[in-house]
C-alpha atoms as a PDB file:
ATOM      1  CA  MET A   1     -18.421  -2.445  20.714  1.00  0.00           C
ATOM      2  CA  SER A   2     -15.570  -4.774  19.752  1.00  0.00           C
ATOM      3  CA  SER A   3     -12.819  -6.109  21.981  1.00  0.00           C
ATOM      4  CA  VAL A   4      -9.760  -6.522  19.745  1.00  0.00           C
ATOM      5  CA  GLU A   5      -6.513  -8.298  20.609  1.00  0.00           C
ATOM      6  CA  LEU A   6      -3.573  -8.380  18.189  1.00  0.00           C
ATOM      7  CA  CYS A   7      -0.554 -10.489  19.043  1.00  0.00           C
ATOM      8  CA  ILE A   8       2.824 -10.928  17.319  1.00  0.00           C
ATOM      9  CA  ILE A   9       4.521 -14.264  18.009  1.00  0.00           C
ATOM     10  CA  ARG A  10       8.310 -14.630  17.656  1.00  0.00           C
ATOM     11  CA  ASN A  11      10.148 -17.789  18.787  1.00  0.00           C
ATOM     12  CA  GLU A  12       7.046 -18.845  20.737  1.00  0.00           C
ATOM     13  CA  LYS A  13       7.096 -15.538  22.653  1.00  0.00           C
ATOM     14  CA  ALA A  14       4.016 -13.315  22.376  1.00  0.00           C
ATOM     15  CA  TYR A  15       4.183  -9.530  21.993  1.00  0.00           C
ATOM     16  CA  PHE A  16       1.166  -7.251  22.293  1.00  0.00           C
ATOM     17  CA  PRO A  17       2.180  -4.107  20.380  1.00  0.00           C
ATOM     18  CA  ILE A  18       0.925  -0.572  20.932  1.00  0.00           C
ATOM     19  CA  LEU A  19      -1.098   0.175  17.829  1.00  0.00           C
ATOM     20  CA  GLN A  20      -1.760   3.454  16.057  1.00  0.00           C
ATOM     21  CA  ASN A  21      -5.074   3.959  14.243  1.00  0.00           C
ATOM     22  CA  GLU A  22      -7.071   1.055  12.874  1.00  0.00           C
ATOM     23  CA  ILE A  23      -6.523  -2.588  12.020  1.00  0.00           C
ATOM     24  CA  ASN A  24      -7.624  -3.584   8.512  1.00  0.00           C
ATOM     25  CA  TRP A  25      -8.438  -7.164   7.513  1.00  0.00           C
ATOM     26  CA  GLU A  26      -9.093  -7.605   3.779  1.00  0.00           C
ATOM     27  CA  ILE A  27     -10.403 -10.758   2.117  1.00  0.00           C
ATOM     28  CA  GLN A  28     -10.986 -11.442  -1.593  1.00  0.00           C
ATOM     29  CA  LEU A  29     -12.893 -14.357  -3.053  1.00  0.00           C
ATOM     30  CA  TYR A  30     -10.242 -15.954  -5.272  1.00  0.00           C
ATOM     31  CA  GLY A  31      -6.576 -15.670  -6.103  1.00  0.00           C
ATOM     32  CA  SER A  32      -5.317 -13.852  -3.003  1.00  0.00           C
ATOM     33  CA  PRO A  33      -4.735 -14.620   0.663  1.00  0.00           C
ATOM     34  CA  SER A  34      -6.419 -12.479   3.281  1.00  0.00           C
ATOM     35  CA  LYS A  35      -4.327  -9.480   4.319  1.00  0.00           C
ATOM     36  CA  LEU A  36      -3.932  -7.836   7.716  1.00  0.00           C
ATOM     37  CA  THR A  37      -2.418  -4.340   7.989  1.00  0.00           C
ATOM     38  CA  PHE A  38      -1.718  -2.332  11.133  1.00  0.00           C
ATOM     39  CA  LYS A  39       0.668   0.317  12.505  1.00  0.00           C
ATOM     40  CA  VAL A  40       2.930  -0.272  15.500  1.00  0.00           C
ATOM     41  CA  LEU A  41       4.402   2.332  17.836  1.00  0.00           C
ATOM     42  CA  PRO A  42       7.907   1.003  18.678  1.00  0.00           C
ATOM     43  CA  ASP A  43       9.068   0.646  22.264  1.00  0.00           C
ATOM     44  CA  ASP A  44      12.053  -0.870  24.087  1.00  0.00           C
ATOM     45  CA  ILE A  45      10.424  -4.289  24.429  1.00  0.00           C
ATOM     46  CA  ILE A  46       8.837  -5.358  21.172  1.00  0.00           C
ATOM     47  CA  SER A  47      11.021  -7.045  18.563  1.00  0.00           C
ATOM     48  CA  PHE A  48       9.645  -8.707  15.450  1.00  0.00           C
ATOM     49  CA  PHE A  49      10.721  -9.572  11.917  1.00  0.00           C
ATOM     50  CA  GLU A  50       9.440 -10.857   8.583  1.00  0.00           C
ATOM     51  CA  GLY A  51       8.129 -14.402   8.932  1.00  0.00           C
ATOM     52  CA  ASP A  52       6.852 -13.947  12.492  1.00  0.00           C
ATOM     53  CA  LYS A  53       3.274 -14.975  13.213  1.00  0.00           C
ATOM     54  CA  VAL A  54       0.393 -12.554  13.777  1.00  0.00           C
ATOM     55  CA  SER A  55      -2.838 -13.474  15.534  1.00  0.00           C
ATOM     56  CA  LEU A  56      -6.032 -11.388  15.640  1.00  0.00           C
ATOM     57  CA  LYS A  57      -8.824 -12.092  18.110  1.00  0.00           C
ATOM     58  CA  VAL A  58     -12.105 -10.141  18.216  1.00  0.00           C
ATOM     59  CA  ASN A  59     -14.675 -10.678  20.959  1.00  0.00           C
ATOM     60  CA  ASP A  60     -13.116 -14.019  21.965  1.00  0.00           C
ATOM     61  CA  THR A  61     -13.187 -15.280  18.352  1.00  0.00           C
ATOM     62  CA  TYR A  62      -9.860 -16.005  16.660  1.00  0.00           C
ATOM     63  CA  LEU A  63     -10.129 -14.483  13.180  1.00  0.00           C
ATOM     64  CA  PHE A  64      -6.710 -14.289  11.565  1.00  0.00           C
ATOM     65  CA  LEU A  65      -3.486 -16.239  11.830  1.00  0.00           C
ATOM     66  CA  GLY A  66      -0.767 -15.304   9.390  1.00  0.00           C
ATOM     67  CA  TYR A  67       2.787 -14.222   8.803  1.00  0.00           C
ATOM     68  CA  ILE A  68       4.501 -10.853   8.520  1.00  0.00           C
ATOM     69  CA  PHE A  69       5.672 -10.220   4.971  1.00  0.00           C
ATOM     70  CA  SER A  70       6.596  -6.532   5.041  1.00  0.00           C
ATOM     71  CA  LYS A  71       7.476  -3.697   7.455  1.00  0.00           C
ATOM     72  CA  LYS A  72       7.642  -0.031   6.509  1.00  0.00           C
ATOM     73  CA  ARG A  73       8.868   2.810   8.738  1.00  0.00           C
ATOM     74  CA  ASN A  74       8.332   6.575   8.483  1.00  0.00           C
ATOM     75  CA  LYS A  75      10.300   9.439  10.022  1.00  0.00           C
ATOM     76  CA  ASN A  76       8.296   9.126  13.234  1.00  0.00           C
ATOM     77  CA  ARG A  77       9.499   5.493  13.535  1.00  0.00           C
ATOM     78  CA  ILE A  78       5.938   4.186  13.184  1.00  0.00           C
ATOM     79  CA  ILE A  79       6.019   0.720  11.608  1.00  0.00           C
ATOM     80  CA  THR A  80       3.359  -0.242   9.063  1.00  0.00           C
ATOM     81  CA  VAL A  81       3.032  -4.033   9.031  1.00  0.00           C
ATOM     82  CA  THR A  82       1.494  -6.240   6.350  1.00  0.00           C
ATOM     83  CA  ALA A  83       0.725  -9.879   7.123  1.00  0.00           C
ATOM     84  CA  TYR A  84      -0.914 -12.596   5.027  1.00  0.00           C
ATOM     85  CA  ASP A  85      -2.580 -15.841   5.974  1.00  0.00           C
ATOM     86  CA  GLN A  86      -1.350 -19.308   4.980  1.00  0.00           C
ATOM     87  CA  LEU A  87      -2.787 -18.998   1.445  1.00  0.00           C
ATOM     88  CA  ARG A  88       0.065 -16.601   0.611  1.00  0.00           C
ATOM     89  CA  TYR A  89       2.173 -19.705   0.039  1.00  0.00           C
ATOM     90  CA  PHE A  90      -0.283 -20.857  -2.641  1.00  0.00           C
ATOM     91  CA  LYS A  91       1.508 -18.358  -4.890  1.00  0.00           C
ATOM     92  CA  ASN A  92       4.326 -20.900  -5.094  1.00  0.00           C
ATOM     93  CA  LYS A  93       4.631 -22.434  -8.565  1.00  0.00           C
ATOM     94  CA  ASP A  94       4.738 -26.133  -9.271  1.00  0.00           C
ATOM     95  CA  THR A  95       4.006 -28.769 -11.912  1.00  0.00           C
ATOM     96  CA  ILE A  96       1.535 -31.584 -11.419  1.00  0.00           C
ATOM     97  CA  LYS A  97       0.040 -34.290 -13.621  1.00  0.00           C
ATOM     98  CA  TYR A  98      -2.956 -36.034 -12.191  1.00  0.00           C
ATOM     99  CA  HIS A  99      -5.588 -38.570 -13.209  1.00  0.00           C
ATOM    100  CA  HIS A 100      -9.099 -39.125 -11.849  1.00  0.00           C
ATOM    101  CA  LYS A 101      -8.851 -36.544  -9.089  1.00  0.00           C
ATOM    102  CA  LYS A 102     -11.324 -34.062  -7.630  1.00  0.00           C
ATOM    103  CA  ALA A 103     -10.558 -30.440  -6.726  1.00  0.00           C
ATOM    104  CA  SER A 104     -10.765 -31.440  -3.057  1.00  0.00           C
ATOM    105  CA  ASP A 105      -8.167 -34.164  -3.709  1.00  0.00           C
ATOM    106  CA  ILE A 106      -5.739 -31.643  -5.264  1.00  0.00           C
ATOM    107  CA  ILE A 107      -5.947 -29.434  -2.162  1.00  0.00           C
ATOM    108  CA  LYS A 108      -5.128 -32.409   0.070  1.00  0.00           C
ATOM    109  CA  ILE A 109      -2.197 -33.370  -2.151  1.00  0.00           C
ATOM    110  CA  PHE A 110      -0.667 -29.891  -1.903  1.00  0.00           C
ATOM    111  CA  ALA A 111      -1.391 -29.701   1.833  1.00  0.00           C
ATOM    112  CA  ALA A 112       0.554 -32.903   2.420  1.00  0.00           C
ATOM    113  CA  GLN A 113       3.358 -31.848   0.080  1.00  0.00           C
ATOM    114  CA  TYR A 114       3.876 -28.379   1.593  1.00  0.00           C
ATOM    115  CA  GLY A 115       2.885 -29.054   5.190  1.00  0.00           C
ATOM    116  CA  PHE A 116      -0.291 -26.948   5.205  1.00  0.00           C
ATOM    117  CA  LYS A 117      -2.754 -27.674   7.993  1.00  0.00           C
ATOM    118  CA  THR A 118      -6.296 -28.399   6.803  1.00  0.00           C
ATOM    119  CA  GLY A 119      -9.714 -27.977   8.354  1.00  0.00           C
ATOM    120  CA  THR A 120     -12.991 -28.789   6.602  1.00  0.00           C
ATOM    121  CA  ILE A 121     -12.379 -29.881   3.002  1.00  0.00           C
ATOM    122  CA  GLU A 122     -15.777 -30.644   1.490  1.00  0.00           C
ATOM    123  CA  ASP A 123     -15.974 -33.301  -1.208  1.00  0.00           C
ATOM    124  CA  THR A 124     -16.249 -31.530  -4.588  1.00  0.00           C
ATOM    125  CA  GLU A 125     -17.679 -34.705  -6.198  1.00  0.00           C
ATOM    126  CA  TYR A 126     -16.677 -34.006  -9.820  1.00  0.00           C
ATOM    127  CA  VAL A 127     -13.836 -36.266 -11.003  1.00  0.00           C
ATOM    128  CA  ILE A 128     -11.412 -34.683 -13.484  1.00  0.00           C
ATOM    129  CA  THR A 129     -10.195 -37.359 -15.881  1.00  0.00           C
ATOM    130  CA  SER A 130      -6.690 -36.049 -16.509  1.00  0.00           C
ATOM    131  CA  ARG A 131      -4.731 -32.780 -16.429  1.00  0.00           C
ATOM    132  CA  LEU A 132      -1.171 -31.589 -16.773  1.00  0.00           C
ATOM    133  CA  GLU A 133      -0.459 -28.269 -15.050  1.00  0.00           C
ATOM    134  CA  GLU A 134       3.027 -26.951 -15.761  1.00  0.00           C
ATOM    135  CA  ASN A 135       4.724 -24.040 -13.992  1.00  0.00           C
ATOM    136  CA  LYS A 136       1.472 -22.794 -12.454  1.00  0.00           C
ATOM    137  CA  THR A 137       0.802 -21.363  -9.018  1.00  0.00           C
ATOM    138  CA  LEU A 138      -0.921 -23.685  -6.577  1.00  0.00           C
ATOM    139  CA  TYR A 139      -3.779 -21.179  -6.620  1.00  0.00           C
ATOM    140  CA  ASP A 140      -4.192 -21.439 -10.395  1.00  0.00           C
ATOM    141  CA  ILE A 141      -4.042 -25.228 -10.361  1.00  0.00           C
ATOM    142  CA  ILE A 142      -6.692 -25.492  -7.635  1.00  0.00           C
ATOM    143  CA  LEU A 143      -8.940 -22.786  -9.090  1.00  0.00           C
ATOM    144  CA  THR A 144      -8.861 -24.487 -12.495  1.00  0.00           C
ATOM    145  CA  ALA A 145     -10.089 -27.684 -10.824  1.00  0.00           C
ATOM    146  CA  ILE A 146     -12.785 -25.733  -8.957  1.00  0.00           C
ATOM    147  CA  ASP A 147     -13.858 -23.997 -12.184  1.00  0.00           C
ATOM    148  CA  LEU A 148     -14.180 -27.338 -13.992  1.00  0.00           C
ATOM    149  CA  THR A 149     -16.343 -28.497 -11.081  1.00  0.00           C
ATOM    150  CA  VAL A 150     -18.577 -25.417 -11.401  1.00  0.00           C
ATOM    151  CA  GLN A 151     -18.940 -25.950 -15.146  1.00  0.00           C
ATOM    152  CA  ASN A 152     -19.863 -29.610 -14.850  1.00  0.00           C
ATOM    153  CA  LYS A 153     -21.672 -29.893 -11.481  1.00  0.00           C
ATOM    154  CA  LYS A 154     -23.123 -26.364 -11.062  1.00  0.00           C
ATOM    155  CA  LYS A 155     -21.593 -26.216  -7.587  1.00  0.00           C
ATOM    156  CA  LEU A 156     -19.343 -23.402  -6.393  1.00  0.00           C
ATOM    157  CA  TYR A 157     -16.725 -23.929  -3.703  1.00  0.00           C
ATOM    158  CA  VAL A 158     -14.791 -21.322  -1.721  1.00  0.00           C
ATOM    159  CA  LEU A 159     -11.185 -21.814  -0.638  1.00  0.00           C
ATOM    160  CA  TYR A 160     -10.013 -19.887   2.424  1.00  0.00           C
ATOM    161  CA  ASP A 161      -7.829 -19.996   5.532  1.00  0.00           C
ATOM    162  CA  ASP A 162      -9.789 -20.449   8.763  1.00  0.00           C
ATOM    163  CA  TYR A 163      -7.292 -19.310  11.423  1.00  0.00           C
ATOM    164  CA  GLY A 164      -4.450 -21.448  10.094  1.00  0.00           C
ATOM    165  CA  LEU A 165      -6.564 -24.249   8.617  1.00  0.00           C
ATOM    166  CA  ILE A 166      -7.004 -24.553   4.833  1.00  0.00           C
ATOM    167  CA  THR A 167     -10.752 -24.817   4.302  1.00  0.00           C
ATOM    168  CA  LEU A 168     -12.980 -25.581   1.308  1.00  0.00           C
ATOM    169  CA  LYS A 169     -16.748 -25.131   1.502  1.00  0.00           C
ATOM    170  CA  ASN A 170     -19.700 -25.224  -0.841  1.00  0.00           C
ATOM    171  CA  ILE A 171     -21.113 -21.712  -1.076  1.00  0.00           C
ATOM    172  CA  ASP A 172     -24.537 -23.131  -0.177  1.00  0.00           C
ATOM    173  CA  ASN A 173     -23.122 -23.717   3.319  1.00  0.00           C
ATOM    174  CA  MET A 174     -21.850 -20.156   3.745  1.00  0.00           C
ATOM    175  CA  ASN A 175     -25.058 -18.157   4.209  1.00  0.00           C
ATOM    176  CA  VAL A 176     -24.856 -15.608   7.030  1.00  0.00           C
ATOM    177  CA  ASP A 177     -27.998 -14.182   8.615  1.00  0.00           C
ATOM    178  CA  VAL A 178     -26.864 -10.581   8.154  1.00  0.00           C
ATOM    179  CA  VAL A 179     -28.878  -7.892   6.386  1.00  0.00           C
ATOM    180  CA  VAL A 180     -26.926  -5.081   4.722  1.00  0.00           C
ATOM    181  CA  GLY A 181     -28.204  -2.118   2.758  1.00  0.00           C
ATOM    182  CA  GLU A 182     -28.904   1.580   2.752  1.00  0.00           C
ATOM    183  CA  ASP A 183     -30.080   1.587   6.378  1.00  0.00           C
ATOM    184  CA  ASN A 184     -26.775   0.432   7.880  1.00  0.00           C
ATOM    185  CA  ALA A 185     -24.225   1.762   5.364  1.00  0.00           C
ATOM    186  CA  VAL A 186     -22.797   5.249   4.862  1.00  0.00           C
ATOM    187  CA  ASP A 187     -22.994   4.921   1.059  1.00  0.00           C
ATOM    188  CA  PHE A 188     -23.557   2.358  -1.696  1.00  0.00           C
ATOM    189  CA  ASP A 189     -23.153   1.880  -5.454  1.00  0.00           C
ATOM    190  CA  TYR A 190     -25.212  -0.445  -7.635  1.00  0.00           C
ATOM    191  CA  GLU A 191     -24.281  -1.545 -11.166  1.00  0.00           C
ATOM    192  CA  SER A 192     -25.839  -3.918 -13.675  1.00  0.00           C
ATOM    193  CA  SER A 193     -23.917  -4.892 -16.798  1.00  0.00           C
ATOM    194  CA  ILE A 194     -23.714  -7.351 -19.705  1.00  0.00           C
ATOM    195  CA  ASP A 195     -20.178  -6.161 -20.512  1.00  0.00           C
ATOM    196  CA  GLY A 196     -17.885  -8.890 -19.243  1.00  0.00           C
ATOM    197  CA  GLU A 197     -18.737 -12.466 -18.335  1.00  0.00           C
ATOM    198  CA  THR A 198     -22.257 -12.467 -19.768  1.00  0.00           C
ATOM    199  CA  TYR A 199     -22.994 -14.978 -22.543  1.00  0.00           C
ATOM    200  CA  ASN A 200     -26.303 -16.024 -24.090  1.00  0.00           C
ATOM    201  CA  LYS A 201     -24.828 -18.600 -26.486  1.00  0.00           C
ATOM    202  CA  ILE A 202     -22.496 -21.392 -25.412  1.00  0.00           C
ATOM    203  CA  LYS A 203     -20.557 -23.303 -28.065  1.00  0.00           C
ATOM    204  CA  LEU A 204     -18.362 -26.230 -27.074  1.00  0.00           C
ATOM    205  CA  SER A 205     -16.292 -28.444 -29.349  1.00  0.00           C
ATOM    206  CA  THR A 206     -14.475 -31.719 -28.963  1.00  0.00           C
ATOM    207  CA  PRO A 207     -10.729 -31.537 -29.747  1.00  0.00           C
ATOM    208  CA  CYS A 208      -9.649 -31.652 -33.374  1.00  0.00           C
ATOM    209  CA  ASN A 209      -8.558 -35.178 -34.255  1.00  0.00           C
ATOM    210  CA  ASP A 210      -7.734 -36.626 -37.671  1.00  0.00           C
ATOM    211  CA  LYS A 211      -9.406 -39.911 -36.784  1.00  0.00           C
ATOM    212  CA  LYS A 212     -12.559 -38.530 -35.198  1.00  0.00           C
ATOM    213  CA  LYS A 213     -15.220 -36.128 -36.325  1.00  0.00           C
ATOM    214  CA  ARG A 214     -15.336 -32.867 -34.362  1.00  0.00           C
ATOM    215  CA  ASN A 215     -18.569 -32.634 -32.365  1.00  0.00           C
ATOM    216  CA  VAL A 216     -20.119 -29.297 -31.466  1.00  0.00           C
ATOM    217  CA  PHE A 217     -22.547 -28.697 -28.594  1.00  0.00           C
ATOM    218  CA  ILE A 218     -24.623 -25.503 -28.373  1.00  0.00           C
ATOM    219  CA  ALA A 219     -26.912 -24.086 -25.707  1.00  0.00           C
ATOM    220  CA  GLN A 220     -28.492 -20.669 -26.197  1.00  0.00           C
ATOM    221  CA  ASP A 221     -31.212 -18.283 -25.055  1.00  0.00           C
ATOM    222  CA  SER A 222     -32.994 -16.763 -28.045  1.00  0.00           C
ATOM    223  CA  LYS A 223     -34.823 -14.178 -25.945  1.00  0.00           C
ATOM    224  CA  HIS A 224     -31.616 -12.682 -24.568  1.00  0.00           C
ATOM    225  CA  MET A 225     -29.937 -12.964 -27.959  1.00  0.00           C
ATOM    226  CA  ASN A 226     -32.679 -10.712 -29.366  1.00  0.00           C
ATOM    227  CA  GLU A 227     -32.328  -8.277 -26.453  1.00  0.00           C
ATOM    228  CA  TRP A 228     -28.527  -8.084 -26.176  1.00  0.00           C
ATOM    229  CA  GLY A 229     -27.239  -9.438 -29.477  1.00  0.00           C
ATOM    230  CA  ILE A 230     -25.217 -12.633 -29.646  1.00  0.00           C
ATOM    231  CA  LEU A 231     -22.714 -12.908 -26.809  1.00  0.00           C
ATOM    232  CA  GLN A 232     -20.904 -16.183 -27.478  1.00  0.00           C
ATOM    233  CA  TYR A 233     -18.722 -18.279 -25.216  1.00  0.00           C
ATOM    234  CA  PHE A 234     -16.521 -20.856 -26.954  1.00  0.00           C
ATOM    235  CA  ASP A 235     -14.287 -23.522 -25.507  1.00  0.00           C
ATOM    236  CA  THR A 236     -12.824 -26.946 -26.270  1.00  0.00           C
ATOM    237  CA  LEU A 237     -13.987 -29.834 -24.153  1.00  0.00           C
ATOM    238  CA  GLU A 238     -11.643 -31.866 -21.991  1.00  0.00           C
ATOM    239  CA  GLU A 239     -11.459 -35.620 -22.443  1.00  0.00           C
ATOM    240  CA  ASN A 240     -14.648 -37.433 -21.382  1.00  0.00           C
ATOM    241  CA  GLU A 241     -16.568 -34.225 -20.559  1.00  0.00           C
ATOM    242  CA  ASN A 242     -20.305 -34.273 -21.234  1.00  0.00           C
ATOM    243  CA  GLY A 243     -20.747 -31.553 -23.878  1.00  0.00           C
ATOM    244  CA  ILE A 244     -24.516 -31.234 -23.543  1.00  0.00           C
ATOM    245  CA  ALA A 245     -24.503 -31.030 -19.745  1.00  0.00           C
ATOM    246  CA  LYS A 246     -21.572 -28.602 -19.663  1.00  0.00           C
ATOM    247  CA  ALA A 247     -23.117 -26.288 -22.287  1.00  0.00           C
ATOM    248  CA  LYS A 248     -26.352 -26.119 -20.282  1.00  0.00           C
ATOM    249  CA  ALA A 249     -24.463 -25.492 -17.043  1.00  0.00           C
ATOM    250  CA  LEU A 250     -22.413 -22.681 -18.600  1.00  0.00           C
ATOM    251  CA  LEU A 251     -25.522 -21.067 -20.057  1.00  0.00           C
ATOM    252  CA  GLU A 252     -27.167 -21.138 -16.646  1.00  0.00           C
ATOM    253  CA  LYS A 253     -24.057 -19.580 -15.116  1.00  0.00           C
ATOM    254  CA  TYR A 254     -23.385 -16.809 -17.657  1.00  0.00           C
ATOM    255  CA  ASN A 255     -26.768 -15.995 -19.240  1.00  0.00           C
ATOM    256  CA  ARG A 256     -27.578 -13.124 -16.897  1.00  0.00           C
ATOM    257  CA  LYS A 257     -26.704  -9.552 -16.135  1.00  0.00           C
ATOM    258  CA  LYS A 258     -23.833  -9.088 -13.756  1.00  0.00           C
ATOM    259  CA  ARG A 259     -25.128  -7.217 -10.733  1.00  0.00           C
ATOM    260  CA  THR A 260     -22.690  -5.603  -8.311  1.00  0.00           C
ATOM    261  CA  VAL A 261     -23.354  -3.732  -5.081  1.00  0.00           C
ATOM    262  CA  SER A 262     -20.634  -1.897  -3.143  1.00  0.00           C
ATOM    263  CA  LEU A 263     -21.363  -0.667   0.383  1.00  0.00           C
ATOM    264  CA  LYS A 264     -19.206   1.623   2.520  1.00  0.00           C
ATOM    265  CA  LYS A 265     -18.902   1.533   6.313  1.00  0.00           C
ATOM    266  CA  VAL A 266     -21.492  -1.109   7.043  1.00  0.00           C
ATOM    267  CA  ILE A 267     -21.850  -2.096  10.693  1.00  0.00           C
ATOM    268  CA  GLY A 268     -19.340  -4.931  11.036  1.00  0.00           C
ATOM    269  CA  ASP A 269     -19.953  -8.623  11.577  1.00  0.00           C
ATOM    270  CA  ILE A 270     -16.938 -10.932  12.012  1.00  0.00           C
ATOM    271  CA  ARG A 271     -18.796 -13.851  10.364  1.00  0.00           C
ATOM    272  CA  VAL A 272     -18.718 -12.104   6.988  1.00  0.00           C
ATOM    273  CA  ARG A 273     -15.867 -13.137   4.693  1.00  0.00           C
ATOM    274  CA  ALA A 274     -15.357 -13.421   0.935  1.00  0.00           C
ATOM    275  CA  GLY A 275     -17.623 -16.237  -0.231  1.00  0.00           C
ATOM    276  CA  SER A 276     -20.272 -15.573   2.408  1.00  0.00           C
ATOM    277  CA  ARG A 277     -23.792 -14.840   1.211  1.00  0.00           C
ATOM    278  CA  VAL A 278     -25.593 -12.026   2.985  1.00  0.00           C
ATOM    279  CA  ILE A 279     -29.057 -10.553   2.536  1.00  0.00           C
ATOM    280  CA  VAL A 280     -29.029  -7.241   0.676  1.00  0.00           C
ATOM    281  CA  TYR A 281     -31.990  -4.901   1.089  1.00  0.00           C
ATOM    282  CA  ILE A 282     -31.982  -1.705  -0.962  1.00  0.00           C
ATOM    283  CA  GLN A 283     -35.097   0.093  -2.160  1.00  0.00           C
ATOM    284  CA  ASN A 284     -33.595   3.194  -3.707  1.00  0.00           C
ATOM    285  CA  LEU A 285     -32.553   1.783  -7.114  1.00  0.00           C
ATOM    286  CA  GLY A 286     -34.847   3.706  -9.433  1.00  0.00           C
ATOM    287  CA  GLU A 287     -36.898   1.144 -11.327  1.00  0.00           C
ATOM    288  CA  LEU A 288     -35.622  -1.699  -9.128  1.00  0.00           C
ATOM    289  CA  SER A 289     -35.635  -2.726  -5.504  1.00  0.00           C
ATOM    290  CA  LEU A 290     -33.336  -5.398  -4.168  1.00  0.00           C
ATOM    291  CA  GLN A 291     -34.048  -7.987  -1.515  1.00  0.00           C
ATOM    292  CA  SER A 292     -31.971 -11.112  -2.034  1.00  0.00           C
ATOM    293  CA  TYR A 293     -28.911 -13.057  -1.053  1.00  0.00           C
ATOM    294  CA  MET A 294     -25.733 -11.845  -2.714  1.00  0.00           C
ATOM    295  CA  MET A 295     -22.226 -13.270  -2.490  1.00  0.00           C
ATOM    296  CA  VAL A 296     -19.397 -11.307  -0.903  1.00  0.00           C
ATOM    297  CA  ASP A 297     -16.668 -10.814  -3.508  1.00  0.00           C
ATOM    298  CA  LYS A 298     -14.487  -8.586  -1.302  1.00  0.00           C
ATOM    299  CA  VAL A 299     -14.695  -7.406   2.283  1.00  0.00           C
ATOM    300  CA  LYS A 300     -12.512  -5.040   4.269  1.00  0.00           C
ATOM    301  CA  HIS A 301     -13.028  -5.163   8.027  1.00  0.00           C
ATOM    302  CA  THR A 302     -11.841  -2.095   9.946  1.00  0.00           C
ATOM    303  CA  PHE A 303     -11.385  -2.165  13.712  1.00  0.00           C
ATOM    304  CA  LYS A 304     -10.774   1.187  15.419  1.00  0.00           C
ATOM    305  CA  ASP A 305     -11.553   2.622  18.844  1.00  0.00           C
ATOM    306  CA  GLU A 306     -13.754  -0.363  19.778  1.00  0.00           C
ATOM    307  CA  GLU A 307     -15.767   0.139  16.581  1.00  0.00           C
ATOM    308  CA  HIS A 308     -16.068  -2.303  13.702  1.00  0.00           C
ATOM    309  CA  PHE A 309     -17.102  -1.406  10.161  1.00  0.00           C
ATOM    310  CA  MET A 310     -16.819  -3.191   6.828  1.00  0.00           C
ATOM    311  CA  ASP A 311     -16.640  -2.198   3.182  1.00  0.00           C
ATOM    312  CA  LEU A 312     -18.324  -4.785   0.971  1.00  0.00           C
ATOM    313  CA  THR A 313     -18.334  -5.646  -2.720  1.00  0.00           C
ATOM    314  CA  LEU A 314     -21.171  -8.048  -3.512  1.00  0.00           C
ATOM    315  CA  ARG A 315     -22.105  -9.850  -6.689  1.00  0.00           C
ATOM    316  CA  GLY A 316     -24.883 -12.021  -7.987  1.00  0.00           C
ATOM    317  CA  GLY A 317     -28.554 -11.365  -7.641  1.00  0.00           C
ATOM    318  CA  GLY A 318     -31.775 -13.221  -7.264  1.00  0.00           C
ATOM    319  CA  LYS A 319     -35.121 -11.556  -6.723  1.00  0.00           C
ATOM    320  CA  PHE A 320     -34.996  -8.164  -8.377  1.00  0.00           C
ATOM    321  CA  ALA A 321     -38.461  -6.647  -8.207  1.00  0.00           C
END
């Protein structure tokens, strides 16, 4: 049973609308803000417009704080509302040139520049020597810095909005003690693939320079090259990057099958968001059984009639027996 309270705030005045059907809260791992959609039955009291705030509270926990971006009406005058959290404004484009900054520093710079409120911003540790980002979204600029951190430090960080506070956490600090699988889901799909971001040979090169010899760094897995053929990743190193360390880190990241599990109508848990790691337990996979932590790539929470379900897309793997 879930106690759900949705509030629309206009000019510091709170409205509690009469809702039709469910409330959907959707969160993706990267590149998009979380989205809240719901349907309002109009009355003679409620009045709201684009830009007004929306707050969602479930069982005394404040989950979502965002802004209305669209309203759609049908012939029955029912209003379908779409709201996004603060990360929607990270779609703004800008240009920045920076030196000796970390991904966590870039987030703080943009927060100060645009007036975003911040919560926990964990230190990403890896210092990027220099970058020029021209006419890029704030999202793209930050995610590039996070990706460089992953490649060089083997640490993954998740950017999200925690009820109005921009938050950055190491994925190692986002484990949730929730078990999902065939026993608490209506249906599931499992896929394994080497078609996509799977590479068993990493080749990195220093930039071409007339005065310097081009250096090439290679890391590879001969066993997987024999099994899958050569799947090569190539890139040019940034200034002062460690080619050997980066090649090894990229091989560790990409030299594996991509494993994806999608689950429908799992019993809901409000702690689960994109970037969380949950325990997946599925036995019915033919030659495989699965019992491991997997990362939530997408989650859609549905609240309806005091019930709470979630649709999950999970990626990663671990102990496949």
